[in-house]
Each structure stands twice: as structure tokens, then as C-alpha cells.
Full PDB file with SEQRES, HELIX, SHEET, SSBOND, CRYST1, ORIGX, SCALE, CONECT and MASTER records, all heavy atoms in Angstrom:
SEQRES   1 A   31  ILE ASN HIS ASP THR PHE GLU ASN TYR ASP LEU ALA ILE          
SEQRES   2 A   31  VAL LEU ASP CYS PRO ASN LEU ALA ARG THR GLY LYS TYR          
SEQRES   3 A   31  GLN GLU ILE ILE GLN                                          
HELIX    1 AA1 LEU A   20  TYR A   26  5                                   7    
HELIX    2 AA2 GLN A   27  ILE A   30  1                                   4    
CRYST1    1.000    1.000    1.000  90.00  90.00  90.00 P 1           1          
ORIGX1      1.000000  0.000000  0.000000        0.00000                         
ORIGX2      0.000000  1.000000  0.000000        0.00000                         
ORIGX3      0.000000  0.000000  1.000000        0.00000                         
SCALE1      1.000000  0.000000  0.000000        0.00000                         
SCALE2      0.000000  1.000000  0.000000        0.00000                         
SCALE3      0.000000  0.000000  1.000000        0.00000                         
ATOM      1  N   ILE A   1      84.176  -6.184   1.886  1.00  0.00           N  
ATOM      2  CA  ILE A   1      83.859  -7.320   0.995  1.00  0.00           C  
ATOM      3  C   ILE A   1      83.489  -8.471   1.796  1.00  0.00           C  
ATOM      4  O   ILE A   1      84.182  -8.917   2.619  1.00  0.00           O  
ATOM      5  CB  ILE A   1      85.153  -7.521   0.113  1.00  0.00           C  
ATOM      6  CG1 ILE A   1      85.512  -6.347  -0.726  1.00  0.00           C  
ATOM      7  CG2 ILE A   1      84.970  -8.936  -0.686  1.00  0.00           C  
ATOM      8  CD1 ILE A   1      86.603  -6.711  -1.810  1.00  0.00           C  
ATOM      9  N   ASN A   2      82.323  -8.950   1.585  1.00  0.00           N  
ATOM     10  CA  ASN A   2      81.603  -9.992   2.348  1.00  0.00           C  
ATOM     11  C   ASN A   2      82.138 -11.375   1.817  1.00  0.00           C  
ATOM     12  O   ASN A   2      82.572 -11.543   0.756  1.00  0.00           O  
ATOM     13  CB  ASN A   2      80.209 -10.036   2.284  1.00  0.00           C  
ATOM     14  CG  ASN A   2      79.578  -8.583   2.704  1.00  0.00           C  
ATOM     15  OD1 ASN A   2      80.197  -8.047   3.596  1.00  0.00           O  
ATOM     16  ND2 ASN A   2      78.536  -8.280   2.152  1.00  0.00           N  
ATOM     17  N   HIS A   3      82.045 -12.232   2.729  1.00  0.00           N  
ATOM     18  CA  HIS A   3      82.304 -13.781   2.417  1.00  0.00           C  
ATOM     19  C   HIS A   3      80.932 -14.640   2.586  1.00  0.00           C  
ATOM     20  O   HIS A   3      80.855 -15.786   2.214  1.00  0.00           O  
ATOM     21  CB  HIS A   3      83.404 -14.302   3.150  1.00  0.00           C  
ATOM     22  CG  HIS A   3      84.637 -13.727   2.876  1.00  0.00           C  
ATOM     23  ND1 HIS A   3      85.509 -14.051   1.749  1.00  0.00           N  
ATOM     24  CD2 HIS A   3      85.393 -12.830   3.599  1.00  0.00           C  
ATOM     25  CE1 HIS A   3      86.529 -13.304   1.707  1.00  0.00           C  
ATOM     26  NE2 HIS A   3      86.490 -12.513   2.835  1.00  0.00           N  
ATOM     27  N   ASP A   4      79.909 -14.030   3.132  1.00  0.00           N  
ATOM     28  CA  ASP A   4      78.642 -14.657   3.236  1.00  0.00           C  
ATOM     29  C   ASP A   4      77.546 -13.833   2.506  1.00  0.00           C  
ATOM     30  O   ASP A   4      77.684 -12.571   2.345  1.00  0.00           O  
ATOM     31  CB  ASP A   4      78.145 -14.624   4.639  1.00  0.00           C  
ATOM     32  CG  ASP A   4      79.075 -15.480   5.576  1.00  0.00           C  
ATOM     33  OD1 ASP A   4      79.518 -16.551   5.063  1.00  0.00           O  
ATOM     34  OD2 ASP A   4      79.574 -15.017   6.644  1.00  0.00           O  
ATOM     35  N   THR A   5      76.532 -14.656   1.861  1.00  0.00           N  
ATOM     36  CA  THR A   5      75.595 -13.936   1.066  1.00  0.00           C  
ATOM     37  C   THR A   5      74.234 -14.518   1.313  1.00  0.00           C  
ATOM     38  O   THR A   5      74.058 -15.388   2.076  1.00  0.00           O  
ATOM     39  CB  THR A   5      75.874 -14.223  -0.495  1.00  0.00           C  
ATOM     40  OG1 THR A   5      75.853 -15.612  -0.718  1.00  0.00           O  
ATOM     41  CG2 THR A   5      77.252 -13.601  -0.948  1.00  0.00           C  
ATOM     42  N   PHE A   6      73.252 -13.870   0.801  1.00  0.00           N  
ATOM     43  CA  PHE A   6      71.851 -14.410   0.950  1.00  0.00           C  
ATOM     44  C   PHE A   6      71.753 -15.501  -0.344  1.00  0.00           C  
ATOM     45  O   PHE A   6      72.560 -15.504  -1.107  1.00  0.00           O  
ATOM     46  CB  PHE A   6      70.761 -13.200   0.688  1.00  0.00           C  
ATOM     47  CG  PHE A   6      70.893 -12.249   1.883  1.00  0.00           C  
ATOM     48  CD1 PHE A   6      71.563 -11.023   1.770  1.00  0.00           C  
ATOM     49  CD2 PHE A   6      70.093 -12.515   2.965  1.00  0.00           C  
ATOM     50  CE1 PHE A   6      71.601 -10.109   2.818  1.00  0.00           C  
ATOM     51  CE2 PHE A   6      70.123 -11.690   4.067  1.00  0.00           C  
ATOM     52  CZ  PHE A   6      70.790 -10.442   4.004  1.00  0.00           C  
ATOM     53  N   GLU A   7      70.580 -15.953  -0.226  1.00  0.00           N  
ATOM     54  CA  GLU A   7      70.432 -17.028  -1.339  1.00  0.00           C  
ATOM     55  C   GLU A   7      69.888 -16.370  -2.503  1.00  0.00           C  
ATOM     56  O   GLU A   7      70.177 -17.039  -3.712  1.00  0.00           O  
ATOM     57  CB  GLU A   7      69.439 -18.127  -0.832  1.00  0.00           C  
ATOM     58  CG  GLU A   7      69.957 -18.972   0.288  1.00  0.00           C  
ATOM     59  CD  GLU A   7      68.916 -20.077   0.613  1.00  0.00           C  
ATOM     60  OE1 GLU A   7      67.858 -20.126   0.049  1.00  0.00           O  
ATOM     61  OE2 GLU A   7      69.185 -20.753   1.647  1.00  0.00           O  
ATOM     62  N   ASN A   8      69.253 -15.377  -2.456  1.00  0.00           N  
ATOM     63  CA  ASN A   8      68.700 -14.715  -3.738  1.00  0.00           C  
ATOM     64  C   ASN A   8      68.868 -13.255  -3.821  1.00  0.00           C  
ATOM     65  O   ASN A   8      68.865 -12.544  -2.737  1.00  0.00           O  
ATOM     66  CB  ASN A   8      67.225 -15.059  -3.712  1.00  0.00           C  
ATOM     67  CG  ASN A   8      66.716 -16.448  -3.830  1.00  0.00           C  
ATOM     68  OD1 ASN A   8      67.170 -17.128  -4.695  1.00  0.00           O  
ATOM     69  ND2 ASN A   8      66.162 -16.963  -2.640  1.00  0.00           N  
ATOM     70  N   TYR A   9      69.119 -12.802  -5.060  1.00  0.00           N  
ATOM     71  CA  TYR A   9      69.355 -11.381  -5.321  1.00  0.00           C  
ATOM     72  C   TYR A   9      68.486 -10.967  -6.571  1.00  0.00           C  
ATOM     73  O   TYR A   9      68.325 -11.875  -7.434  1.00  0.00           O  
ATOM     74  CB  TYR A   9      70.760 -11.055  -5.591  1.00  0.00           C  
ATOM     75  CG  TYR A   9      71.613 -11.137  -4.384  1.00  0.00           C  
ATOM     76  CD1 TYR A   9      72.177 -12.297  -3.953  1.00  0.00           C  
ATOM     77  CD2 TYR A   9      71.892 -10.017  -3.444  1.00  0.00           C  
ATOM     78  CE1 TYR A   9      73.018 -12.575  -2.908  1.00  0.00           C  
ATOM     79  CE2 TYR A   9      72.709 -10.215  -2.369  1.00  0.00           C  
ATOM     80  CZ  TYR A   9      73.198 -11.369  -1.991  1.00  0.00           C  
ATOM     81  OH  TYR A   9      74.012 -11.421  -0.892  1.00  0.00           O  
ATOM     82  N   ASP A  10      68.048  -9.804  -6.774  1.00  0.00           N  
ATOM     83  CA  ASP A  10      67.343  -9.251  -7.920  1.00  0.00           C  
ATOM     84  C   ASP A  10      68.210  -9.179  -9.121  1.00  0.00           C  
ATOM     85  O   ASP A  10      67.916  -9.428 -10.220  1.00  0.00           O  
ATOM     86  CB  ASP A  10      66.677  -7.925  -7.608  1.00  0.00           C  
ATOM     87  CG  ASP A  10      65.725  -8.070  -6.531  1.00  0.00           C  
ATOM     88  OD1 ASP A  10      65.063  -9.000  -6.263  1.00  0.00           O  
ATOM     89  OD2 ASP A  10      65.661  -7.004  -5.700  1.00  0.00           O  
ATOM     90  N   LEU A  11      69.561  -8.865  -8.773  1.00  0.00           N  
ATOM     91  CA  LEU A  11      70.469  -8.605  -9.802  1.00  0.00           C  
ATOM     92  C   LEU A  11      71.900  -8.983  -9.320  1.00  0.00           C  
ATOM     93  O   LEU A  11      72.255  -8.676  -8.173  1.00  0.00           O  
ATOM     94  CB  LEU A  11      70.442  -7.049 -10.102  1.00  0.00           C  
ATOM     95  CG  LEU A  11      71.631  -6.598 -11.108  1.00  0.00           C  
ATOM     96  CD1 LEU A  11      71.430  -7.120 -12.379  1.00  0.00           C  
ATOM     97  CD2 LEU A  11      71.588  -4.978 -11.090  1.00  0.00           C  
ATOM     98  N   ALA A  12      72.681  -9.620 -10.236  1.00  0.00           N  
ATOM     99  CA  ALA A  12      74.071  -9.871  -9.976  1.00  0.00           C  
ATOM    100  C   ALA A  12      74.855  -9.288 -10.978  1.00  0.00           C  
ATOM    101  O   ALA A  12      74.654  -9.305 -12.275  1.00  0.00           O  
ATOM    102  CB  ALA A  12      74.323 -11.499 -10.017  1.00  0.00           C  
ATOM    103  N   ILE A  13      75.886  -8.607 -10.527  1.00  0.00           N  
ATOM    104  CA  ILE A  13      76.873  -7.810 -11.340  1.00  0.00           C  
ATOM    105  C   ILE A  13      78.271  -8.474 -11.253  1.00  0.00           C  
ATOM    106  O   ILE A  13      78.801  -8.403 -10.049  1.00  0.00           O  
ATOM    107  CB  ILE A  13      76.962  -6.349 -11.018  1.00  0.00           C  
ATOM    108  CG1 ILE A  13      75.424  -5.611 -11.091  1.00  0.00           C  
ATOM    109  CG2 ILE A  13      77.853  -5.526 -12.004  1.00  0.00           C  
ATOM    110  CD1 ILE A  13      75.485  -4.195 -10.698  1.00  0.00           C  
ATOM    111  N   VAL A  14      78.812  -8.939 -12.266  1.00  0.00           N  
ATOM    112  CA  VAL A  14      79.981  -9.570 -12.237  1.00  0.00           C  
ATOM    113  C   VAL A  14      81.153  -8.785 -12.869  1.00  0.00           C  
ATOM    114  O   VAL A  14      81.009  -8.304 -14.025  1.00  0.00           O  
ATOM    115  CB  VAL A  14      79.958 -11.044 -12.820  1.00  0.00           C  
ATOM    116  CG1 VAL A  14      81.351 -11.771 -12.749  1.00  0.00           C  
ATOM    117  CG2 VAL A  14      78.940 -11.906 -12.295  1.00  0.00           C  
ATOM    118  N   LEU A  15      82.154  -8.542 -12.108  1.00  0.00           N  
ATOM    119  CA  LEU A  15      83.163  -7.531 -12.643  1.00  0.00           C  
ATOM    120  C   LEU A  15      84.562  -8.311 -12.712  1.00  0.00           C  
ATOM    121  O   LEU A  15      84.945  -9.155 -11.953  1.00  0.00           O  
ATOM    122  CB  LEU A  15      83.309  -6.285 -11.599  1.00  0.00           C  
ATOM    123  CG  LEU A  15      82.140  -5.525 -11.238  1.00  0.00           C  
ATOM    124  CD1 LEU A  15      82.443  -4.459 -10.232  1.00  0.00           C  
ATOM    125  CD2 LEU A  15      81.635  -4.872 -12.606  1.00  0.00           C  
ATOM    126  N   ASP A  16      85.171  -7.932 -13.875  1.00  0.00           N  
ATOM    127  CA  ASP A  16      86.556  -8.319 -14.037  1.00  0.00           C  
ATOM    128  C   ASP A  16      86.855  -9.753 -14.195  1.00  0.00           C  
ATOM    129  O   ASP A  16      87.803 -10.434 -13.842  1.00  0.00           O  
ATOM    130  CB  ASP A  16      87.379  -7.640 -12.917  1.00  0.00           C  
ATOM    131  CG  ASP A  16      88.986  -7.514 -13.322  1.00  0.00           C  
ATOM    132  OD1 ASP A  16      89.192  -7.087 -14.464  1.00  0.00           O  
ATOM    133  OD2 ASP A  16      89.866  -7.717 -12.445  1.00  0.00           O  
ATOM    134  N   CYS A  17      85.808 -10.426 -14.637  1.00  0.00           N  
ATOM    135  CA  CYS A  17      85.888 -12.042 -14.616  1.00  0.00           C  
ATOM    136  C   CYS A  17      85.582 -12.439 -16.139  1.00  0.00           C  
ATOM    137  O   CYS A  17      84.592 -12.073 -16.652  1.00  0.00           O  
ATOM    138  CB  CYS A  17      84.773 -12.619 -13.848  1.00  0.00           C  
ATOM    139  SG  CYS A  17      85.108 -12.490 -12.066  1.00  0.00           S  
ATOM    140  N   PRO A  18      86.541 -13.018 -16.825  1.00  0.00           N  
ATOM    141  CA  PRO A  18      86.295 -13.569 -18.075  1.00  0.00           C  
ATOM    142  C   PRO A  18      85.236 -14.634 -18.315  1.00  0.00           C  
ATOM    143  O   PRO A  18      84.713 -14.964 -19.308  1.00  0.00           O  
ATOM    144  CB  PRO A  18      87.682 -14.042 -18.616  1.00  0.00           C  
ATOM    145  CG  PRO A  18      88.333 -14.364 -17.420  1.00  0.00           C  
ATOM    146  CD  PRO A  18      87.915 -13.426 -16.265  1.00  0.00           C  
ATOM    147  N   ASN A  19      84.963 -15.407 -17.173  1.00  0.00           N  
ATOM    148  CA  ASN A  19      83.981 -16.488 -17.087  1.00  0.00           C  
ATOM    149  C   ASN A  19      83.447 -16.583 -15.674  1.00  0.00           C  
ATOM    150  O   ASN A  19      84.086 -16.045 -14.674  1.00  0.00           O  
ATOM    151  CB  ASN A  19      84.568 -17.703 -17.638  1.00  0.00           C  
ATOM    152  CG  ASN A  19      85.787 -18.185 -16.923  1.00  0.00           C  
ATOM    153  OD1 ASN A  19      85.897 -18.315 -15.638  1.00  0.00           O  
ATOM    154  ND2 ASN A  19      86.901 -18.301 -17.604  1.00  0.00           N  
ATOM    155  N   LEU A  20      82.321 -17.302 -15.536  1.00  0.00           N  
ATOM    156  CA  LEU A  20      81.772 -17.452 -14.211  1.00  0.00           C  
ATOM    157  C   LEU A  20      82.584 -18.274 -13.253  1.00  0.00           C  
ATOM    158  O   LEU A  20      82.502 -17.993 -12.031  1.00  0.00           O  
ATOM    159  CB  LEU A  20      80.415 -17.970 -14.362  1.00  0.00           C  
ATOM    160  CG  LEU A  20      79.282 -17.051 -14.625  1.00  0.00           C  
ATOM    161  CD1 LEU A  20      77.927 -17.755 -14.741  1.00  0.00           C  
ATOM    162  CD2 LEU A  20      79.121 -16.125 -13.441  1.00  0.00           C  
ATOM    163  N   ALA A  21      83.401 -19.122 -13.780  1.00  0.00           N  
ATOM    164  CA  ALA A  21      84.169 -20.015 -12.941  1.00  0.00           C  
ATOM    165  C   ALA A  21      85.206 -19.268 -12.042  1.00  0.00           C  
ATOM    166  O   ALA A  21      85.487 -19.600 -10.944  1.00  0.00           O  
ATOM    167  CB  ALA A  21      84.988 -21.071 -13.761  1.00  0.00           C  
ATOM    168  N   ARG A  22      85.576 -17.998 -12.578  1.00  0.00           N  
ATOM    169  CA  ARG A  22      86.484 -17.178 -11.811  1.00  0.00           C  
ATOM    170  C   ARG A  22      85.829 -16.568 -10.601  1.00  0.00           C  
ATOM    171  O   ARG A  22      86.578 -15.878  -9.755  1.00  0.00           O  
ATOM    172  CB  ARG A  22      87.088 -16.067 -12.812  1.00  0.00           C  
ATOM    173  CG  ARG A  22      88.038 -16.640 -13.690  1.00  0.00           C  
ATOM    174  CD  ARG A  22      89.322 -16.902 -13.177  1.00  0.00           C  
ATOM    175  NE  ARG A  22      90.169 -15.676 -12.981  1.00  0.00           N  
ATOM    176  CZ  ARG A  22      90.779 -15.364 -11.953  1.00  0.00           C  
ATOM    177  NH1 ARG A  22      90.662 -16.103 -10.966  1.00  0.00           N  
ATOM    178  NH2 ARG A  22      91.556 -14.170 -11.907  1.00  0.00           N  
ATOM    179  N   THR A  23      84.635 -16.626 -10.445  1.00  0.00           N  
ATOM    180  CA  THR A  23      83.981 -16.107  -9.177  1.00  0.00           C  
ATOM    181  C   THR A  23      83.920 -17.198  -8.059  1.00  0.00           C  
ATOM    182  O   THR A  23      83.492 -16.838  -6.999  1.00  0.00           O  
ATOM    183  CB  THR A  23      82.394 -15.845  -9.603  1.00  0.00           C  
ATOM    184  OG1 THR A  23      81.792 -16.953  -9.909  1.00  0.00           O  
ATOM    185  CG2 THR A  23      82.353 -14.734 -10.594  1.00  0.00           C  
ATOM    186  N   GLY A  24      84.400 -18.388  -8.326  1.00  0.00           N  
ATOM    187  CA  GLY A  24      84.590 -19.247  -7.282  1.00  0.00           C  
ATOM    188  C   GLY A  24      83.327 -19.761  -6.679  1.00  0.00           C  
ATOM    189  O   GLY A  24      82.347 -20.184  -7.405  1.00  0.00           O  
ATOM    190  N   LYS A  25      83.125 -19.654  -5.270  1.00  0.00           N  
ATOM    191  CA  LYS A  25      81.990 -20.280  -4.542  1.00  0.00           C  
ATOM    192  C   LYS A  25      80.635 -19.556  -4.900  1.00  0.00           C  
ATOM    193  O   LYS A  25      79.611 -20.003  -4.414  1.00  0.00           O  
ATOM    194  CB  LYS A  25      82.242 -20.435  -3.090  1.00  0.00           C  
ATOM    195  CG  LYS A  25      82.433 -19.002  -2.430  1.00  0.00           C  
ATOM    196  CD  LYS A  25      82.672 -19.187  -0.966  1.00  0.00           C  
ATOM    197  CE  LYS A  25      82.820 -17.775  -0.133  1.00  0.00           C  
ATOM    198  NZ  LYS A  25      83.052 -17.940   1.245  1.00  0.00           N  
ATOM    199  N   TYR A  26      80.744 -18.465  -5.492  1.00  0.00           N  
ATOM    200  CA  TYR A  26      79.587 -17.534  -5.691  1.00  0.00           C  
ATOM    201  C   TYR A  26      78.924 -17.897  -7.063  1.00  0.00           C  
ATOM    202  O   TYR A  26      77.899 -17.214  -7.426  1.00  0.00           O  
ATOM    203  CB  TYR A  26      79.981 -16.055  -5.550  1.00  0.00           C  
ATOM    204  CG  TYR A  26      80.451 -15.637  -4.334  1.00  0.00           C  
ATOM    205  CD1 TYR A  26      81.697 -15.259  -4.169  1.00  0.00           C  
ATOM    206  CD2 TYR A  26      79.666 -15.570  -3.194  1.00  0.00           C  
ATOM    207  CE1 TYR A  26      82.261 -14.981  -2.885  1.00  0.00           C  
ATOM    208  CE2 TYR A  26      80.104 -15.260  -1.906  1.00  0.00           C  
ATOM    209  CZ  TYR A  26      81.473 -15.024  -1.714  1.00  0.00           C  
ATOM    210  OH  TYR A  26      81.912 -14.703  -0.560  1.00  0.00           O  
ATOM    211  N   GLN A  27      79.468 -18.744  -7.764  1.00  0.00           N  
ATOM    212  CA  GLN A  27      78.882 -19.053  -9.144  1.00  0.00           C  
ATOM    213  C   GLN A  27      77.337 -19.542  -9.135  1.00  0.00           C  
ATOM    214  O   GLN A  27      76.671 -18.870  -9.951  1.00  0.00           O  
ATOM    215  CB  GLN A  27      79.835 -20.116  -9.745  1.00  0.00           C  
ATOM    216  CG  GLN A  27      79.417 -20.382 -11.324  1.00  0.00           C  
ATOM    217  CD  GLN A  27      80.277 -21.385 -12.098  1.00  0.00           C  
ATOM    218  OE1 GLN A  27      81.444 -21.645 -11.447  1.00  0.00           O  
ATOM    219  NE2 GLN A  27      79.863 -21.903 -13.139  1.00  0.00           N  
ATOM    220  N   GLU A  28      77.123 -20.282  -8.370  1.00  0.00           N  
ATOM    221  CA  GLU A  28      75.716 -20.806  -8.166  1.00  0.00           C  
ATOM    222  C   GLU A  28      74.691 -19.709  -7.799  1.00  0.00           C  
ATOM    223  O   GLU A  28      73.708 -19.636  -8.486  1.00  0.00           O  
ATOM    224  CB  GLU A  28      75.561 -21.963  -7.262  1.00  0.00           C  
ATOM    225  CG  GLU A  28      74.215 -22.657  -7.260  1.00  0.00           C  
ATOM    226  CD  GLU A  28      74.042 -23.767  -6.354  1.00  0.00           C  
ATOM    227  OE1 GLU A  28      75.110 -24.281  -5.888  1.00  0.00           O  
ATOM    228  OE2 GLU A  28      73.012 -24.323  -6.099  1.00  0.00           O  
ATOM    229  N   ILE A  29      75.178 -18.853  -6.945  1.00  0.00           N  
ATOM    230  CA  ILE A  29      74.340 -17.783  -6.449  1.00  0.00           C  
ATOM    231  C   ILE A  29      73.986 -16.745  -7.628  1.00  0.00           C  
ATOM    232  O   ILE A  29      72.923 -16.215  -7.802  1.00  0.00           O  
ATOM    233  CB  ILE A  29      74.894 -16.935  -5.289  1.00  0.00           C  
ATOM    234  CG1 ILE A  29      74.893 -17.900  -4.010  1.00  0.00           C  
ATOM    235  CG2 ILE A  29      74.145 -15.867  -5.023  1.00  0.00           C  
ATOM    236  CD1 ILE A  29      75.684 -17.399  -2.872  1.00  0.00           C  
ATOM    237  N   ILE A  30      75.105 -16.541  -8.479  1.00  0.00           N  
ATOM    238  CA  ILE A  30      75.036 -15.506  -9.565  1.00  0.00           C  
ATOM    239  C   ILE A  30      74.036 -16.125 -10.533  1.00  0.00           C  
ATOM    240  O   ILE A  30      73.118 -15.632 -10.951  1.00  0.00           O  
ATOM    241  CB  ILE A  30      76.425 -15.407 -10.194  1.00  0.00           C  
ATOM    242  CG1 ILE A  30      77.263 -14.614  -9.187  1.00  0.00           C  
ATOM    243  CG2 ILE A  30      76.215 -14.676 -11.619  1.00  0.00           C  
ATOM    244  CD1 ILE A  30      78.818 -14.666  -9.472  1.00  0.00           C  
ATOM    245  N   GLN A  31      74.145 -17.458 -10.880  1.00  0.00           N  
ATOM    246  CA  GLN A  31      73.387 -18.131 -11.892  1.00  0.00           C  
ATOM    247  C   GLN A  31      71.901 -18.240 -11.498  1.00  0.00           C  
ATOM    248  O   GLN A  31      71.066 -18.322 -12.263  1.00  0.00           O  
ATOM    249  CB  GLN A  31      73.923 -19.528 -12.257  1.00  0.00           C  
ATOM    250  CG  GLN A  31      75.239 -19.614 -12.871  1.00  0.00           C  
ATOM    251  CD  GLN A  31      75.921 -21.035 -12.953  1.00  0.00           C  
ATOM    252  OE1 GLN A  31      75.812 -21.835 -12.040  1.00  0.00           O  
ATOM    253  NE2 GLN A  31      76.382 -21.346 -14.120  1.00  0.00           N  
TER     254      GLN A  31                                                      
MASTER        0    0    0    2    0    0    0    6  253    1    0    3          
END                                                                             
């Protein structure tokens, strides 16, 4: 499980989260 990411992805899959805020620091990258 990484803690660093790239700036852009073709697809973001969010699992087990009722809202985007629960993804913490990854929210902007997902959006």
C-alpha cells in the first residue's frame, strides 16, 4: 500500500468509503 502517488490517473477506484473526505490526502488526486 503506497503513500506516494502520481499526479494523474486514467481511473480512480474508491473502496469502502461513504464519502471522498474519508480518503484523506488522496481526495484531490481522485477528483
